[in-house]
Protein backbone atom coordinates (compact mmCIF):
# COMPACT_ATOMS: atom_id res chain seq x y z
CA UNK A 1 -163.57 125.44 -28.39
CA UNK A 2 -160.57 123.91 -30.07
CA UNK A 3 -159.26 120.46 -30.89
CA UNK A 4 -155.76 119.82 -29.47
CA UNK A 5 -153.16 118.62 -31.97
CA UNK A 6 -150.29 117.34 -29.83
CA UNK A 7 -146.87 116.54 -31.25
CA UNK A 8 -147.24 118.22 -34.65
CA UNK A 9 -144.26 120.29 -35.70
CA UNK A 10 -144.98 123.40 -37.70
CA UNK A 11 -148.74 123.43 -36.96
CA UNK A 12 -150.66 125.25 -34.28
CA UNK A 13 -151.09 123.27 -31.06
CA UNK A 14 -154.85 123.66 -31.44
CA UNK A 15 -157.12 123.76 -34.49
CA UNK A 16 -160.79 124.47 -34.97
CA UNK A 17 -162.68 121.37 -33.88
CA UNK A 18 -163.54 118.52 -36.17
CA UNK A 19 -167.27 117.89 -36.58
CA UNK A 20 -166.80 114.53 -34.86
CA UNK A 21 -165.42 116.38 -31.81
CA UNK A 22 -168.39 118.76 -31.78
CA UNK A 23 -170.79 115.80 -32.02
CA UNK A 24 -169.04 114.14 -29.06
CA UNK A 25 -169.23 117.37 -27.04
CA UNK A 26 -172.94 117.66 -27.87
CA UNK A 27 -173.60 114.13 -26.58
CA UNK A 28 -171.49 114.53 -23.44
CA UNK A 29 -172.48 118.06 -22.45
CA UNK A 30 -174.42 118.56 -19.27
CA UNK A 31 -173.48 122.24 -18.85
CA UNK A 32 -174.52 123.79 -22.16
CA UNK A 33 -177.99 124.14 -23.58
CA UNK A 34 -176.58 123.73 -27.10
CA UNK A 35 -173.24 123.33 -28.86
CA UNK A 36 -172.85 123.97 -32.57
CA UNK A 37 -170.07 124.43 -35.08
CA UNK A 38 -169.03 126.35 -38.13
CA UNK A 39 -165.99 126.39 -40.34
CA UNK A 40 -165.38 129.45 -42.49
CA UNK A 41 -163.62 129.36 -45.83
CA UNK A 42 -163.58 130.96 -49.27
CA UNK A 43 -165.64 129.20 -51.95
CA UNK A 44 -166.00 129.59 -55.70
CA UNK A 45 -169.52 130.56 -56.68
CA UNK A 46 -169.89 129.84 -60.38
CA UNK A 47 -172.48 130.82 -62.96
CA UNK A 48 -172.70 133.84 -65.24
CA UNK A 49 -170.27 135.78 -63.04
CA UNK A 50 -167.91 133.41 -61.21
CA UNK A 51 -166.63 134.92 -57.99
CA UNK A 52 -164.91 133.92 -54.78
CA UNK A 53 -167.03 134.55 -51.72
CA UNK A 54 -166.66 133.82 -48.05
CA UNK A 55 -168.69 130.90 -46.80
CA UNK A 56 -169.27 128.83 -43.71
CA UNK A 57 -170.10 125.16 -43.38
CA UNK A 58 -172.38 124.86 -40.35
CA UNK A 59 -174.05 122.17 -38.31
CA UNK A 60 -177.80 121.71 -38.51
CA UNK A 61 -178.44 123.39 -35.16
CA UNK A 62 -176.27 126.44 -35.91
CA UNK A 63 -178.99 129.05 -36.55
CA UNK A 64 -181.28 127.59 -33.87
CA UNK A 65 -178.45 127.85 -31.32
CA UNK A 66 -177.87 131.50 -32.24
CA UNK A 67 -181.63 132.12 -32.33
CA UNK A 68 -181.06 133.65 -35.78
CA UNK A 69 -184.07 133.91 -38.07
CA UNK A 70 -184.04 134.35 -41.86
CA UNK A 71 -185.74 137.22 -43.62
CA UNK A 72 -186.87 134.81 -46.32
CA UNK A 73 -187.25 131.03 -46.43
CA UNK A 74 -185.76 128.97 -43.62
CA UNK A 75 -182.42 128.27 -42.00
CA UNK A 76 -180.49 125.03 -41.89
CA UNK A 77 -182.01 122.52 -39.46
CA UNK A 78 -180.70 119.35 -37.78
CA UNK A 79 -182.44 117.14 -40.36
CA UNK A 80 -180.30 118.82 -43.03
CA UNK A 81 -177.33 116.93 -41.53
CA UNK A 82 -178.82 113.66 -42.81
CA UNK A 83 -177.57 112.08 -46.06
CA UNK A 84 -179.58 113.28 -49.02
CA UNK A 85 -180.60 116.54 -47.35
CA UNK A 86 -177.23 118.15 -46.80
CA UNK A 87 -176.69 120.22 -49.97
CA UNK A 88 -178.62 123.32 -48.93
CA UNK A 89 -177.51 126.93 -48.57
CA UNK A 90 -178.63 129.97 -46.63
CA UNK A 91 -177.31 133.08 -48.33
CA UNK A 92 -176.65 136.61 -47.17
CA UNK A 93 -178.86 139.54 -48.08
CA UNK A 94 -175.99 140.98 -50.14
CA UNK A 95 -175.58 137.79 -52.18
CA UNK A 96 -179.36 137.53 -52.61
CA UNK A 97 -179.42 141.07 -54.02
CA UNK A 98 -176.35 140.70 -56.25
CA UNK A 99 -177.10 137.20 -57.64
CA UNK A 100 -180.89 137.09 -57.57
CA UNK A 101 -181.90 140.75 -57.78
CA UNK A 102 -183.67 140.42 -54.39
CA UNK A 103 -186.24 138.14 -56.03
CA UNK A 104 -188.16 136.09 -53.44
CA UNK A 105 -188.27 133.26 -55.99
CA UNK A 106 -184.57 132.65 -55.24
CA UNK A 107 -185.78 130.19 -52.59
CA UNK A 108 -185.58 126.75 -54.16
CA UNK A 109 -183.16 127.82 -56.89
CA UNK A 110 -179.79 126.14 -57.15
CA UNK A 111 -176.31 127.61 -57.03
CA UNK A 112 -173.02 125.96 -57.91
CA UNK A 113 -170.45 126.25 -55.14
CA UNK A 114 -167.06 124.59 -55.60
CA UNK A 115 -168.57 122.36 -58.34
CA UNK A 116 -171.37 121.13 -56.03
CA UNK A 117 -175.03 122.00 -56.53
CA UNK A 118 -176.73 123.55 -53.49
CA UNK A 119 -180.40 124.46 -53.14
CA UNK A 120 -181.02 127.93 -51.69
CA UNK A 121 -183.38 127.55 -48.72
CA UNK A 122 -183.06 130.91 -47.00
CA UNK A 123 -181.78 134.47 -46.94
CA UNK A 124 -180.45 136.06 -43.77
CA UNK A 125 -181.25 139.67 -42.86
CA UNK A 126 -178.64 142.37 -43.40
CA UNK A 127 -177.96 142.63 -39.65
CA UNK A 128 -176.98 138.97 -39.30
CA UNK A 129 -173.29 138.36 -38.70
CA UNK A 130 -171.37 135.24 -37.83
CA UNK A 131 -169.71 134.90 -34.44
CA UNK A 132 -166.46 136.82 -34.69
CA UNK A 133 -167.87 139.32 -37.16
CA UNK A 134 -168.31 139.33 -40.91
CA UNK A 135 -164.81 138.47 -42.07
CA UNK A 136 -166.03 137.74 -45.59
CA UNK A 137 -168.56 139.49 -47.81
CA UNK A 138 -171.62 137.62 -49.16
CA UNK A 139 -171.39 134.64 -46.80
CA UNK A 140 -173.50 131.63 -47.79
CA UNK A 141 -174.01 129.01 -45.09
CA UNK A 142 -173.74 125.52 -46.41
CA UNK A 143 -174.63 122.06 -45.31
CA UNK A 144 -173.00 119.44 -47.45
């Protein structure tokens, strides 16, 4: 779904929806079992080896809606949308292997993404891909 942007010269007529639009659709929907949202972008993952990686900011019901399960830890949940809980990350198997050496103790560790501290809460299996395919390598999912 898209958010219409009428009367804007030089921009697309529609953009990916704002989270406020998705929240309104969730409240008003009588036809869908669930509606969720994600916004993909490139982030800077800092530390010993700074690197740009693809990421996605997702709503708390994202993984539940896709019925996607982590291989380690947990996924982002609706309560992670609440203030104070939102700086959590679910990372890809590839990022888990490259940054944490596939150590299960990565759960609970922190990573610095775009100068913000996130707590790693889960690792997705290698076969997980975002809707539309894996456009970016090493995709962490963020809530913040």
